[in-house]
Amino acid sequence: ATFGELHPACDHWVQGPKSASRKRL
């Protein structure tokens, strides 16, 4: 439950936009 809630928060606040877009390459 803890990591299930933290992961989306980290996606929005910690991860940079470049990293987010390049994960699918």
PDBML (XML) file of the C-alpha atoms, coordinates in Angstrom:
<?xml version="1.0" encoding="UTF-8" ?>
<PDBx:datablock datablockName="MODEL"
   xmlns:PDBx="http://pdbml.pdb.org/schema/pdbx-v50.xsd"
   xmlns:xsi="http://www.w3.org/2001/XMLSchema-instance"
   xsi:schemaLocation="http://pdbml.pdb.org/schema/pdbx-v50.xsd pdbx-v50.xsd">
   <PDBx:atom_siteCategory>
      <PDBx:atom_site id="1">
         <PDBx:B_iso_or_equiv>0.00</PDBx:B_iso_or_equiv>
         <PDBx:Cartn_x>0.000</PDBx:Cartn_x>
         <PDBx:Cartn_y>0.000</PDBx:Cartn_y>
         <PDBx:Cartn_z>0.000</PDBx:Cartn_z>
         <PDBx:auth_asym_id>A</PDBx:auth_asym_id>
         <PDBx:auth_atom_id>CA</PDBx:auth_atom_id>
         <PDBx:auth_comp_id>ALA</PDBx:auth_comp_id>
         <PDBx:auth_seq_id>1</PDBx:auth_seq_id>
         <PDBx:group_PDB>ATOM</PDBx:group_PDB>
         <PDBx:label_alt_id xsi:nil="true" />
         <PDBx:label_asym_id>A</PDBx:label_asym_id>
         <PDBx:label_atom_id>CA</PDBx:label_atom_id>
         <PDBx:label_comp_id>ALA</PDBx:label_comp_id>
         <PDBx:label_entity_id>1</PDBx:label_entity_id>
         <PDBx:label_seq_id>1</PDBx:label_seq_id>
         <PDBx:occupancy>1.00</PDBx:occupancy>
         <PDBx:pdbx_PDB_model_num>1</PDBx:pdbx_PDB_model_num>
         <PDBx:type_symbol>C</PDBx:type_symbol>
      </PDBx:atom_site>
      <PDBx:atom_site id="2">
         <PDBx:B_iso_or_equiv>0.00</PDBx:B_iso_or_equiv>
         <PDBx:Cartn_x>2.807</PDBx:Cartn_x>
         <PDBx:Cartn_y>2.420</PDBx:Cartn_y>
         <PDBx:Cartn_z>0.853</PDBx:Cartn_z>
         <PDBx:auth_asym_id>A</PDBx:auth_asym_id>
         <PDBx:auth_atom_id>CA</PDBx:auth_atom_id>
         <PDBx:auth_comp_id>THR</PDBx:auth_comp_id>
         <PDBx:auth_seq_id>2</PDBx:auth_seq_id>
         <PDBx:group_PDB>ATOM</PDBx:group_PDB>
         <PDBx:label_alt_id xsi:nil="true" />
         <PDBx:label_asym_id>A</PDBx:label_asym_id>
         <PDBx:label_atom_id>CA</PDBx:label_atom_id>
         <PDBx:label_comp_id>THR</PDBx:label_comp_id>
         <PDBx:label_entity_id>1</PDBx:label_entity_id>
         <PDBx:label_seq_id>2</PDBx:label_seq_id>
         <PDBx:occupancy>1.00</PDBx:occupancy>
         <PDBx:pdbx_PDB_model_num>1</PDBx:pdbx_PDB_model_num>
         <PDBx:type_symbol>C</PDBx:type_symbol>
      </PDBx:atom_site>
      <PDBx:atom_site id="3">
         <PDBx:B_iso_or_equiv>0.00</PDBx:B_iso_or_equiv>
         <PDBx:Cartn_x>4.799</PDBx:Cartn_x>
         <PDBx:Cartn_y>1.863</PDBx:Cartn_y>
         <PDBx:Cartn_z>-2.324</PDBx:Cartn_z>
         <PDBx:auth_asym_id>A</PDBx:auth_asym_id>
         <PDBx:auth_atom_id>CA</PDBx:auth_atom_id>
         <PDBx:auth_comp_id>PHE</PDBx:auth_comp_id>
         <PDBx:auth_seq_id>3</PDBx:auth_seq_id>
         <PDBx:group_PDB>ATOM</PDBx:group_PDB>
         <PDBx:label_alt_id xsi:nil="true" />
         <PDBx:label_asym_id>A</PDBx:label_asym_id>
         <PDBx:label_atom_id>CA</PDBx:label_atom_id>
         <PDBx:label_comp_id>PHE</PDBx:label_comp_id>
         <PDBx:label_entity_id>1</PDBx:label_entity_id>
         <PDBx:label_seq_id>3</PDBx:label_seq_id>
         <PDBx:occupancy>1.00</PDBx:occupancy>
         <PDBx:pdbx_PDB_model_num>1</PDBx:pdbx_PDB_model_num>
         <PDBx:type_symbol>C</PDBx:type_symbol>
      </PDBx:atom_site>
      <PDBx:atom_site id="4">
         <PDBx:B_iso_or_equiv>0.00</PDBx:B_iso_or_equiv>
         <PDBx:Cartn_x>1.609</PDBx:Cartn_x>
         <PDBx:Cartn_y>1.784</PDBx:Cartn_y>
         <PDBx:Cartn_z>-4.385</PDBx:Cartn_z>
         <PDBx:auth_asym_id>A</PDBx:auth_asym_id>
         <PDBx:auth_atom_id>CA</PDBx:auth_atom_id>
         <PDBx:auth_comp_id>GLY</PDBx:auth_comp_id>
         <PDBx:auth_seq_id>4</PDBx:auth_seq_id>
         <PDBx:group_PDB>ATOM</PDBx:group_PDB>
         <PDBx:label_alt_id xsi:nil="true" />
         <PDBx:label_asym_id>A</PDBx:label_asym_id>
         <PDBx:label_atom_id>CA</PDBx:label_atom_id>
         <PDBx:label_comp_id>GLY</PDBx:label_comp_id>
         <PDBx:label_entity_id>1</PDBx:label_entity_id>
         <PDBx:label_seq_id>4</PDBx:label_seq_id>
         <PDBx:occupancy>1.00</PDBx:occupancy>
         <PDBx:pdbx_PDB_model_num>1</PDBx:pdbx_PDB_model_num>
         <PDBx:type_symbol>C</PDBx:type_symbol>
      </PDBx:atom_site>
      <PDBx:atom_site id="5">
         <PDBx:B_iso_or_equiv>0.00</PDBx:B_iso_or_equiv>
         <PDBx:Cartn_x>0.906</PDBx:Cartn_x>
         <PDBx:Cartn_y>5.343</PDBx:Cartn_y>
         <PDBx:Cartn_z>-3.274</PDBx:Cartn_z>
         <PDBx:auth_asym_id>A</PDBx:auth_asym_id>
         <PDBx:auth_atom_id>CA</PDBx:auth_atom_id>
         <PDBx:auth_comp_id>GLU</PDBx:auth_comp_id>
         <PDBx:auth_seq_id>5</PDBx:auth_seq_id>
         <PDBx:group_PDB>ATOM</PDBx:group_PDB>
         <PDBx:label_alt_id xsi:nil="true" />
         <PDBx:label_asym_id>A</PDBx:label_asym_id>
         <PDBx:label_atom_id>CA</PDBx:label_atom_id>
         <PDBx:label_comp_id>GLU</PDBx:label_comp_id>
         <PDBx:label_entity_id>1</PDBx:label_entity_id>
         <PDBx:label_seq_id>5</PDBx:label_seq_id>
         <PDBx:occupancy>1.00</PDBx:occupancy>
         <PDBx:pdbx_PDB_model_num>1</PDBx:pdbx_PDB_model_num>
         <PDBx:type_symbol>C</PDBx:type_symbol>
      </PDBx:atom_site>
      <PDBx:atom_site id="6">
         <PDBx:B_iso_or_equiv>0.00</PDBx:B_iso_or_equiv>
         <PDBx:Cartn_x>4.504</PDBx:Cartn_x>
         <PDBx:Cartn_y>6.605</PDBx:Cartn_y>
         <PDBx:Cartn_z>-3.402</PDBx:Cartn_z>
         <PDBx:auth_asym_id>A</PDBx:auth_asym_id>
         <PDBx:auth_atom_id>CA</PDBx:auth_atom_id>
         <PDBx:auth_comp_id>LEU</PDBx:auth_comp_id>
         <PDBx:auth_seq_id>6</PDBx:auth_seq_id>
         <PDBx:group_PDB>ATOM</PDBx:group_PDB>
         <PDBx:label_alt_id xsi:nil="true" />
         <PDBx:label_asym_id>A</PDBx:label_asym_id>
         <PDBx:label_atom_id>CA</PDBx:label_atom_id>
         <PDBx:label_comp_id>LEU</PDBx:label_comp_id>
         <PDBx:label_entity_id>1</PDBx:label_entity_id>
         <PDBx:label_seq_id>6</PDBx:label_seq_id>
         <PDBx:occupancy>1.00</PDBx:occupancy>
         <PDBx:pdbx_PDB_model_num>1</PDBx:pdbx_PDB_model_num>
         <PDBx:type_symbol>C</PDBx:type_symbol>
      </PDBx:atom_site>
      <PDBx:atom_site id="7">
         <PDBx:B_iso_or_equiv>0.00</PDBx:B_iso_or_equiv>
         <PDBx:Cartn_x>5.234</PDBx:Cartn_x>
         <PDBx:Cartn_y>5.443</PDBx:Cartn_y>
         <PDBx:Cartn_z>-6.945</PDBx:Cartn_z>
         <PDBx:auth_asym_id>A</PDBx:auth_asym_id>
         <PDBx:auth_atom_id>CA</PDBx:auth_atom_id>
         <PDBx:auth_comp_id>HIS</PDBx:auth_comp_id>
         <PDBx:auth_seq_id>7</PDBx:auth_seq_id>
         <PDBx:group_PDB>ATOM</PDBx:group_PDB>
         <PDBx:label_alt_id xsi:nil="true" />
         <PDBx:label_asym_id>A</PDBx:label_asym_id>
         <PDBx:label_atom_id>CA</PDBx:label_atom_id>
         <PDBx:label_comp_id>HIS</PDBx:label_comp_id>
         <PDBx:label_entity_id>1</PDBx:label_entity_id>
         <PDBx:label_seq_id>7</PDBx:label_seq_id>
         <PDBx:occupancy>1.00</PDBx:occupancy>
         <PDBx:pdbx_PDB_model_num>1</PDBx:pdbx_PDB_model_num>
         <PDBx:type_symbol>C</PDBx:type_symbol>
      </PDBx:atom_site>
      <PDBx:atom_site id="8">
         <PDBx:B_iso_or_equiv>0.00</PDBx:B_iso_or_equiv>
         <PDBx:Cartn_x>2.718</PDBx:Cartn_x>
         <PDBx:Cartn_y>7.755</PDBx:Cartn_y>
         <PDBx:Cartn_z>-8.682</PDBx:Cartn_z>
         <PDBx:auth_asym_id>A</PDBx:auth_asym_id>
         <PDBx:auth_atom_id>CA</PDBx:auth_atom_id>
         <PDBx:auth_comp_id>PRO</PDBx:auth_comp_id>
         <PDBx:auth_seq_id>8</PDBx:auth_seq_id>
         <PDBx:group_PDB>ATOM</PDBx:group_PDB>
         <PDBx:label_alt_id xsi:nil="true" />
         <PDBx:label_asym_id>A</PDBx:label_asym_id>
         <PDBx:label_atom_id>CA</PDBx:label_atom_id>
         <PDBx:label_comp_id>PRO</PDBx:label_comp_id>
         <PDBx:label_entity_id>1</PDBx:label_entity_id>
         <PDBx:label_seq_id>8</PDBx:label_seq_id>
         <PDBx:occupancy>1.00</PDBx:occupancy>
         <PDBx:pdbx_PDB_model_num>1</PDBx:pdbx_PDB_model_num>
         <PDBx:type_symbol>C</PDBx:type_symbol>
      </PDBx:atom_site>
      <PDBx:atom_site id="9">
         <PDBx:B_iso_or_equiv>0.00</PDBx:B_iso_or_equiv>
         <PDBx:Cartn_x>3.860</PDBx:Cartn_x>
         <PDBx:Cartn_y>10.659</PDBx:Cartn_y>
         <PDBx:Cartn_z>-6.492</PDBx:Cartn_z>
         <PDBx:auth_asym_id>A</PDBx:auth_asym_id>
         <PDBx:auth_atom_id>CA</PDBx:auth_atom_id>
         <PDBx:auth_comp_id>ALA</PDBx:auth_comp_id>
         <PDBx:auth_seq_id>9</PDBx:auth_seq_id>
         <PDBx:group_PDB>ATOM</PDBx:group_PDB>
         <PDBx:label_alt_id xsi:nil="true" />
         <PDBx:label_asym_id>A</PDBx:label_asym_id>
         <PDBx:label_atom_id>CA</PDBx:label_atom_id>
         <PDBx:label_comp_id>ALA</PDBx:label_comp_id>
         <PDBx:label_entity_id>1</PDBx:label_entity_id>
         <PDBx:label_seq_id>9</PDBx:label_seq_id>
         <PDBx:occupancy>1.00</PDBx:occupancy>
         <PDBx:pdbx_PDB_model_num>1</PDBx:pdbx_PDB_model_num>
         <PDBx:type_symbol>C</PDBx:type_symbol>
      </PDBx:atom_site>
      <PDBx:atom_site id="10">
         <PDBx:B_iso_or_equiv>0.00</PDBx:B_iso_or_equiv>
         <PDBx:Cartn_x>7.470</PDBx:Cartn_x>
         <PDBx:Cartn_y>10.009</PDBx:Cartn_y>
         <PDBx:Cartn_z>-7.480</PDBx:Cartn_z>
         <PDBx:auth_asym_id>A</PDBx:auth_asym_id>
         <PDBx:auth_atom_id>CA</PDBx:auth_atom_id>
         <PDBx:auth_comp_id>CYS</PDBx:auth_comp_id>
         <PDBx:auth_seq_id>10</PDBx:auth_seq_id>
         <PDBx:group_PDB>ATOM</PDBx:group_PDB>
         <PDBx:label_alt_id xsi:nil="true" />
         <PDBx:label_asym_id>A</PDBx:label_asym_id>
         <PDBx:label_atom_id>CA</PDBx:label_atom_id>
         <PDBx:label_comp_id>CYS</PDBx:label_comp_id>
         <PDBx:label_entity_id>1</PDBx:label_entity_id>
         <PDBx:label_seq_id>10</PDBx:label_seq_id>
         <PDBx:occupancy>1.00</PDBx:occupancy>
         <PDBx:pdbx_PDB_model_num>1</PDBx:pdbx_PDB_model_num>
         <PDBx:type_symbol>C</PDBx:type_symbol>
      </PDBx:atom_site>
      <PDBx:atom_site id="11">
         <PDBx:B_iso_or_equiv>0.00</PDBx:B_iso_or_equiv>
         <PDBx:Cartn_x>6.440</PDBx:Cartn_x>
         <PDBx:Cartn_y>9.832</PDBx:Cartn_y>
         <PDBx:Cartn_z>-11.130</PDBx:Cartn_z>
         <PDBx:auth_asym_id>A</PDBx:auth_asym_id>
         <PDBx:auth_atom_id>CA</PDBx:auth_atom_id>
         <PDBx:auth_comp_id>ASP</PDBx:auth_comp_id>
         <PDBx:auth_seq_id>11</PDBx:auth_seq_id>
         <PDBx:group_PDB>ATOM</PDBx:group_PDB>
         <PDBx:label_alt_id xsi:nil="true" />
         <PDBx:label_asym_id>A</PDBx:label_asym_id>
         <PDBx:label_atom_id>CA</PDBx:label_atom_id>
         <PDBx:label_comp_id>ASP</PDBx:label_comp_id>
         <PDBx:label_entity_id>1</PDBx:label_entity_id>
         <PDBx:label_seq_id>11</PDBx:label_seq_id>
         <PDBx:occupancy>1.00</PDBx:occupancy>
         <PDBx:pdbx_PDB_model_num>1</PDBx:pdbx_PDB_model_num>
         <PDBx:type_symbol>C</PDBx:type_symbol>
      </PDBx:atom_site>
      <PDBx:atom_site id="12">
         <PDBx:B_iso_or_equiv>0.00</PDBx:B_iso_or_equiv>
         <PDBx:Cartn_x>5.008</PDBx:Cartn_x>
         <PDBx:Cartn_y>13.339</PDBx:Cartn_y>
         <PDBx:Cartn_z>-10.919</PDBx:Cartn_z>
         <PDBx:auth_asym_id>A</PDBx:auth_asym_id>
         <PDBx:auth_atom_id>CA</PDBx:auth_atom_id>
         <PDBx:auth_comp_id>HIS</PDBx:auth_comp_id>
         <PDBx:auth_seq_id>12</PDBx:auth_seq_id>
         <PDBx:group_PDB>ATOM</PDBx:group_PDB>
         <PDBx:label_alt_id xsi:nil="true" />
         <PDBx:label_asym_id>A</PDBx:label_asym_id>
         <PDBx:label_atom_id>CA</PDBx:label_atom_id>
         <PDBx:label_comp_id>HIS</PDBx:label_comp_id>
         <PDBx:label_entity_id>1</PDBx:label_entity_id>
         <PDBx:label_seq_id>12</PDBx:label_seq_id>
         <PDBx:occupancy>1.00</PDBx:occupancy>
         <PDBx:pdbx_PDB_model_num>1</PDBx:pdbx_PDB_model_num>
         <PDBx:type_symbol>C</PDBx:type_symbol>
      </PDBx:atom_site>
      <PDBx:atom_site id="13">
         <PDBx:B_iso_or_equiv>0.00</PDBx:B_iso_or_equiv>
         <PDBx:Cartn_x>7.373</PDBx:Cartn_x>
         <PDBx:Cartn_y>15.089</PDBx:Cartn_y>
         <PDBx:Cartn_z>-8.522</PDBx:Cartn_z>
         <PDBx:auth_asym_id>A</PDBx:auth_asym_id>
         <PDBx:auth_atom_id>CA</PDBx:auth_atom_id>
         <PDBx:auth_comp_id>TRP</PDBx:auth_comp_id>
         <PDBx:auth_seq_id>13</PDBx:auth_seq_id>
         <PDBx:group_PDB>ATOM</PDBx:group_PDB>
         <PDBx:label_alt_id xsi:nil="true" />
         <PDBx:label_asym_id>A</PDBx:label_asym_id>
         <PDBx:label_atom_id>CA</PDBx:label_atom_id>
         <PDBx:label_comp_id>TRP</PDBx:label_comp_id>
         <PDBx:label_entity_id>1</PDBx:label_entity_id>
         <PDBx:label_seq_id>13</PDBx:label_seq_id>
         <PDBx:occupancy>1.00</PDBx:occupancy>
         <PDBx:pdbx_PDB_model_num>1</PDBx:pdbx_PDB_model_num>
         <PDBx:type_symbol>C</PDBx:type_symbol>
      </PDBx:atom_site>
      <PDBx:atom_site id="14">
         <PDBx:B_iso_or_equiv>0.00</PDBx:B_iso_or_equiv>
         <PDBx:Cartn_x>10.756</PDBx:Cartn_x>
         <PDBx:Cartn_y>13.346</PDBx:Cartn_y>
         <PDBx:Cartn_z>-8.665</PDBx:Cartn_z>
         <PDBx:auth_asym_id>A</PDBx:auth_asym_id>
         <PDBx:auth_atom_id>CA</PDBx:auth_atom_id>
         <PDBx:auth_comp_id>VAL</PDBx:auth_comp_id>
         <PDBx:auth_seq_id>14</PDBx:auth_seq_id>
         <PDBx:group_PDB>ATOM</PDBx:group_PDB>
         <PDBx:label_alt_id xsi:nil="true" />
         <PDBx:label_asym_id>A</PDBx:label_asym_id>
         <PDBx:label_atom_id>CA</PDBx:label_atom_id>
         <PDBx:label_comp_id>VAL</PDBx:label_comp_id>
         <PDBx:label_entity_id>1</PDBx:label_entity_id>
         <PDBx:label_seq_id>14</PDBx:label_seq_id>
         <PDBx:occupancy>1.00</PDBx:occupancy>
         <PDBx:pdbx_PDB_model_num>1</PDBx:pdbx_PDB_model_num>
         <PDBx:type_symbol>C</PDBx:type_symbol>
      </PDBx:atom_site>
      <PDBx:atom_site id="15">
         <PDBx:B_iso_or_equiv>0.00</PDBx:B_iso_or_equiv>
         <PDBx:Cartn_x>11.123</PDBx:Cartn_x>
         <PDBx:Cartn_y>11.961</PDBx:Cartn_y>
         <PDBx:Cartn_z>-12.166</PDBx:Cartn_z>
         <PDBx:auth_asym_id>A</PDBx:auth_asym_id>
         <PDBx:auth_atom_id>CA</PDBx:auth_atom_id>
         <PDBx:auth_comp_id>GLN</PDBx:auth_comp_id>
         <PDBx:auth_seq_id>15</PDBx:auth_seq_id>
         <PDBx:group_PDB>ATOM</PDBx:group_PDB>
         <PDBx:label_alt_id xsi:nil="true" />
         <PDBx:label_asym_id>A</PDBx:label_asym_id>
         <PDBx:label_atom_id>CA</PDBx:label_atom_id>
         <PDBx:label_comp_id>GLN</PDBx:label_comp_id>
         <PDBx:label_entity_id>1</PDBx:label_entity_id>
         <PDBx:label_seq_id>15</PDBx:label_seq_id>
         <PDBx:occupancy>1.00</PDBx:occupancy>
         <PDBx:pdbx_PDB_model_num>1</PDBx:pdbx_PDB_model_num>
         <PDBx:type_symbol>C</PDBx:type_symbol>
      </PDBx:atom_site>
      <PDBx:atom_site id="16">
         <PDBx:B_iso_or_equiv>0.00</PDBx:B_iso_or_equiv>
         <PDBx:Cartn_x>12.108</PDBx:Cartn_x>
         <PDBx:Cartn_y>14.466</PDBx:Cartn_y>
         <PDBx:Cartn_z>-14.823</PDBx:Cartn_z>
         <PDBx:auth_asym_id>A</PDBx:auth_asym_id>
         <PDBx:auth_atom_id>CA</PDBx:auth_atom_id>
         <PDBx:auth_comp_id>GLY</PDBx:auth_comp_id>
         <PDBx:auth_seq_id>16</PDBx:auth_seq_id>
         <PDBx:group_PDB>ATOM</PDBx:group_PDB>
         <PDBx:label_alt_id xsi:nil="true" />
         <PDBx:label_asym_id>A</PDBx:label_asym_id>
         <PDBx:label_atom_id>CA</PDBx:label_atom_id>
         <PDBx:label_comp_id>GLY</PDBx:label_comp_id>
         <PDBx:label_entity_id>1</PDBx:label_entity_id>
         <PDBx:label_seq_id>16</PDBx:label_seq_id>
         <PDBx:occupancy>1.00</PDBx:occupancy>
         <PDBx:pdbx_PDB_model_num>1</PDBx:pdbx_PDB_model_num>
         <PDBx:type_symbol>C</PDBx:type_symbol>
      </PDBx:atom_site>
      <PDBx:atom_site id="17">
         <PDBx:B_iso_or_equiv>0.00</PDBx:B_iso_or_equiv>
         <PDBx:Cartn_x>10.159</PDBx:Cartn_x>
         <PDBx:Cartn_y>14.861</PDBx:Cartn_y>
         <PDBx:Cartn_z>-18.077</PDBx:Cartn_z>
         <PDBx:auth_asym_id>A</PDBx:auth_asym_id>
         <PDBx:auth_atom_id>CA</PDBx:auth_atom_id>
         <PDBx:auth_comp_id>PRO</PDBx:auth_comp_id>
         <PDBx:auth_seq_id>17</PDBx:auth_seq_id>
         <PDBx:group_PDB>ATOM</PDBx:group_PDB>
         <PDBx:label_alt_id xsi:nil="true" />
         <PDBx:label_asym_id>A</PDBx:label_asym_id>
         <PDBx:label_atom_id>CA</PDBx:label_atom_id>
         <PDBx:label_comp_id>PRO</PDBx:label_comp_id>
         <PDBx:label_entity_id>1</PDBx:label_entity_id>
         <PDBx:label_seq_id>17</PDBx:label_seq_id>
         <PDBx:occupancy>1.00</PDBx:occupancy>
         <PDBx:pdbx_PDB_model_num>1</PDBx:pdbx_PDB_model_num>
         <PDBx:type_symbol>C</PDBx:type_symbol>
      </PDBx:atom_site>
      <PDBx:atom_site id="18">
         <PDBx:B_iso_or_equiv>0.00</PDBx:B_iso_or_equiv>
         <PDBx:Cartn_x>13.119</PDBx:Cartn_x>
         <PDBx:Cartn_y>13.673</PDBx:Cartn_y>
         <PDBx:Cartn_z>-20.168</PDBx:Cartn_z>
         <PDBx:auth_asym_id>A</PDBx:auth_asym_id>
         <PDBx:auth_atom_id>CA</PDBx:auth_atom_id>
         <PDBx:auth_comp_id>LYS</PDBx:auth_comp_id>
         <PDBx:auth_seq_id>18</PDBx:auth_seq_id>
         <PDBx:group_PDB>ATOM</PDBx:group_PDB>
         <PDBx:label_alt_id xsi:nil="true" />
         <PDBx:label_asym_id>A</PDBx:label_asym_id>
         <PDBx:label_atom_id>CA</PDBx:label_atom_id>
         <PDBx:label_comp_id>LYS</PDBx:label_comp_id>
         <PDBx:label_entity_id>1</PDBx:label_entity_id>
         <PDBx:label_seq_id>18</PDBx:label_seq_id>
         <PDBx:occupancy>1.00</PDBx:occupancy>
         <PDBx:pdbx_PDB_model_num>1</PDBx:pdbx_PDB_model_num>
         <PDBx:type_symbol>C</PDBx:type_symbol>
      </PDBx:atom_site>
      <PDBx:atom_site id="19">
         <PDBx:B_iso_or_equiv>0.00</PDBx:B_iso_or_equiv>
         <PDBx:Cartn_x>13.413</PDBx:Cartn_x>
         <PDBx:Cartn_y>10.460</PDBx:Cartn_y>
         <PDBx:Cartn_z>-18.196</PDBx:Cartn_z>
         <PDBx:auth_asym_id>A</PDBx:auth_asym_id>
         <PDBx:auth_atom_id>CA</PDBx:auth_atom_id>
         <PDBx:auth_comp_id>SER</PDBx:auth_comp_id>
         <PDBx:auth_seq_id>19</PDBx:auth_seq_id>
         <PDBx:group_PDB>ATOM</PDBx:group_PDB>
         <PDBx:label_alt_id xsi:nil="true" />
         <PDBx:label_asym_id>A</PDBx:label_asym_id>
         <PDBx:label_atom_id>CA</PDBx:label_atom_id>
         <PDBx:label_comp_id>SER</PDBx:label_comp_id>
         <PDBx:label_entity_id>1</PDBx:label_entity_id>
         <PDBx:label_seq_id>19</PDBx:label_seq_id>
         <PDBx:occupancy>1.00</PDBx:occupancy>
         <PDBx:pdbx_PDB_model_num>1</PDBx:pdbx_PDB_model_num>
         <PDBx:type_symbol>C</PDBx:type_symbol>
      </PDBx:atom_site>
      <PDBx:atom_site id="20">
         <PDBx:B_iso_or_equiv>0.00</PDBx:B_iso_or_equiv>
         <PDBx:Cartn_x>9.671</PDBx:Cartn_x>
         <PDBx:Cartn_y>9.881</PDBx:Cartn_y>
         <PDBx:Cartn_z>-18.422</PDBx:Cartn_z>
         <PDBx:auth_asym_id>A</PDBx:auth_asym_id>
         <PDBx:auth_atom_id>CA</PDBx:auth_atom_id>
         <PDBx:auth_comp_id>ALA</PDBx:auth_comp_id>
         <PDBx:auth_seq_id>20</PDBx:auth_seq_id>
         <PDBx:group_PDB>ATOM</PDBx:group_PDB>
         <PDBx:label_alt_id xsi:nil="true" />
         <PDBx:label_asym_id>A</PDBx:label_asym_id>
         <PDBx:label_atom_id>CA</PDBx:label_atom_id>
         <PDBx:label_comp_id>ALA</PDBx:label_comp_id>
         <PDBx:label_entity_id>1</PDBx:label_entity_id>
         <PDBx:label_seq_id>20</PDBx:label_seq_id>
         <PDBx:occupancy>1.00</PDBx:occupancy>
         <PDBx:pdbx_PDB_model_num>1</PDBx:pdbx_PDB_model_num>
         <PDBx:type_symbol>C</PDBx:type_symbol>
      </PDBx:atom_site>
      <PDBx:atom_site id="21">
         <PDBx:B_iso_or_equiv>0.00</PDBx:B_iso_or_equiv>
         <PDBx:Cartn_x>9.588</PDBx:Cartn_x>
         <PDBx:Cartn_y>10.236</PDBx:Cartn_y>
         <PDBx:Cartn_z>-22.195</PDBx:Cartn_z>
         <PDBx:auth_asym_id>A</PDBx:auth_asym_id>
         <PDBx:auth_atom_id>CA</PDBx:auth_atom_id>
         <PDBx:auth_comp_id>SER</PDBx:auth_comp_id>
         <PDBx:auth_seq_id>21</PDBx:auth_seq_id>
         <PDBx:group_PDB>ATOM</PDBx:group_PDB>
         <PDBx:label_alt_id xsi:nil="true" />
         <PDBx:label_asym_id>A</PDBx:label_asym_id>
         <PDBx:label_atom_id>CA</PDBx:label_atom_id>
         <PDBx:label_comp_id>SER</PDBx:label_comp_id>
         <PDBx:label_entity_id>1</PDBx:label_entity_id>
         <PDBx:label_seq_id>21</PDBx:label_seq_id>
         <PDBx:occupancy>1.00</PDBx:occupancy>
         <PDBx:pdbx_PDB_model_num>1</PDBx:pdbx_PDB_model_num>
         <PDBx:type_symbol>C</PDBx:type_symbol>
      </PDBx:atom_site>
      <PDBx:atom_site id="22">
         <PDBx:B_iso_or_equiv>0.00</PDBx:B_iso_or_equiv>
         <PDBx:Cartn_x>12.733</PDBx:Cartn_x>
         <PDBx:Cartn_y>8.179</PDBx:Cartn_y>
         <PDBx:Cartn_z>-22.812</PDBx:Cartn_z>
         <PDBx:auth_asym_id>A</PDBx:auth_asym_id>
         <PDBx:auth_atom_id>CA</PDBx:auth_atom_id>
         <PDBx:auth_comp_id>ARG</PDBx:auth_comp_id>
         <PDBx:auth_seq_id>22</PDBx:auth_seq_id>
         <PDBx:group_PDB>ATOM</PDBx:group_PDB>
         <PDBx:label_alt_id xsi:nil="true" />
         <PDBx:label_asym_id>A</PDBx:label_asym_id>
         <PDBx:label_atom_id>CA</PDBx:label_atom_id>
         <PDBx:label_comp_id>ARG</PDBx:label_comp_id>
         <PDBx:label_entity_id>1</PDBx:label_entity_id>
         <PDBx:label_seq_id>22</PDBx:label_seq_id>
         <PDBx:occupancy>1.00</PDBx:occupancy>
         <PDBx:pdbx_PDB_model_num>1</PDBx:pdbx_PDB_model_num>
         <PDBx:type_symbol>C</PDBx:type_symbol>
      </PDBx:atom_site>
      <PDBx:atom_site id="23">
         <PDBx:B_iso_or_equiv>0.00</PDBx:B_iso_or_equiv>
         <PDBx:Cartn_x>11.615</PDBx:Cartn_x>
         <PDBx:Cartn_y>5.135</PDBx:Cartn_y>
         <PDBx:Cartn_z>-20.794</PDBx:Cartn_z>
         <PDBx:auth_asym_id>A</PDBx:auth_asym_id>
         <PDBx:auth_atom_id>CA</PDBx:auth_atom_id>
         <PDBx:auth_comp_id>LYS</PDBx:auth_comp_id>
         <PDBx:auth_seq_id>23</PDBx:auth_seq_id>
         <PDBx:group_PDB>ATOM</PDBx:group_PDB>
         <PDBx:label_alt_id xsi:nil="true" />
         <PDBx:label_asym_id>A</PDBx:label_asym_id>
         <PDBx:label_atom_id>CA</PDBx:label_atom_id>
         <PDBx:label_comp_id>LYS</PDBx:label_comp_id>
         <PDBx:label_entity_id>1</PDBx:label_entity_id>
         <PDBx:label_seq_id>23</PDBx:label_seq_id>
         <PDBx:occupancy>1.00</PDBx:occupancy>
         <PDBx:pdbx_PDB_model_num>1</PDBx:pdbx_PDB_model_num>
         <PDBx:type_symbol>C</PDBx:type_symbol>
      </PDBx:atom_site>
      <PDBx:atom_site id="24">
         <PDBx:B_iso_or_equiv>0.00</PDBx:B_iso_or_equiv>
         <PDBx:Cartn_x>9.625</PDBx:Cartn_x>
         <PDBx:Cartn_y>3.904</PDBx:Cartn_y>
         <PDBx:Cartn_z>-23.805</PDBx:Cartn_z>
         <PDBx:auth_asym_id>A</PDBx:auth_asym_id>
         <PDBx:auth_atom_id>CA</PDBx:auth_atom_id>
         <PDBx:auth_comp_id>ARG</PDBx:auth_comp_id>
         <PDBx:auth_seq_id>24</PDBx:auth_seq_id>
         <PDBx:group_PDB>ATOM</PDBx:group_PDB>
         <PDBx:label_alt_id xsi:nil="true" />
         <PDBx:label_asym_id>A</PDBx:label_asym_id>
         <PDBx:label_atom_id>CA</PDBx:label_atom_id>
         <PDBx:label_comp_id>ARG</PDBx:label_comp_id>
         <PDBx:label_entity_id>1</PDBx:label_entity_id>
         <PDBx:label_seq_id>24</PDBx:label_seq_id>
         <PDBx:occupancy>1.00</PDBx:occupancy>
         <PDBx:pdbx_PDB_model_num>1</PDBx:pdbx_PDB_model_num>
         <PDBx:type_symbol>C</PDBx:type_symbol>
      </PDBx:atom_site>
      <PDBx:atom_site id="25">
         <PDBx:B_iso_or_equiv>0.00</PDBx:B_iso_or_equiv>
         <PDBx:Cartn_x>12.444</PDBx:Cartn_x>
         <PDBx:Cartn_y>4.102</PDBx:Cartn_y>
         <PDBx:Cartn_z>-26.344</PDBx:Cartn_z>
         <PDBx:auth_asym_id>A</PDBx:auth_asym_id>
         <PDBx:auth_atom_id>CA</PDBx:auth_atom_id>
         <PDBx:auth_comp_id>LEU</PDBx:auth_comp_id>
         <PDBx:auth_seq_id>25</PDBx:auth_seq_id>
         <PDBx:group_PDB>ATOM</PDBx:group_PDB>
         <PDBx:label_alt_id xsi:nil="true" />
         <PDBx:label_asym_id>A</PDBx:label_asym_id>
         <PDBx:label_atom_id>CA</PDBx:label_atom_id>
         <PDBx:label_comp_id>LEU</PDBx:label_comp_id>
         <PDBx:label_entity_id>1</PDBx:label_entity_id>
         <PDBx:label_seq_id>25</PDBx:label_seq_id>
         <PDBx:occupancy>1.00</PDBx:occupancy>
         <PDBx:pdbx_PDB_model_num>1</PDBx:pdbx_PDB_model_num>
         <PDBx:type_symbol>C</PDBx:type_symbol>
      </PDBx:atom_site>
   </PDBx:atom_siteCategory>
</PDBx:datablock>
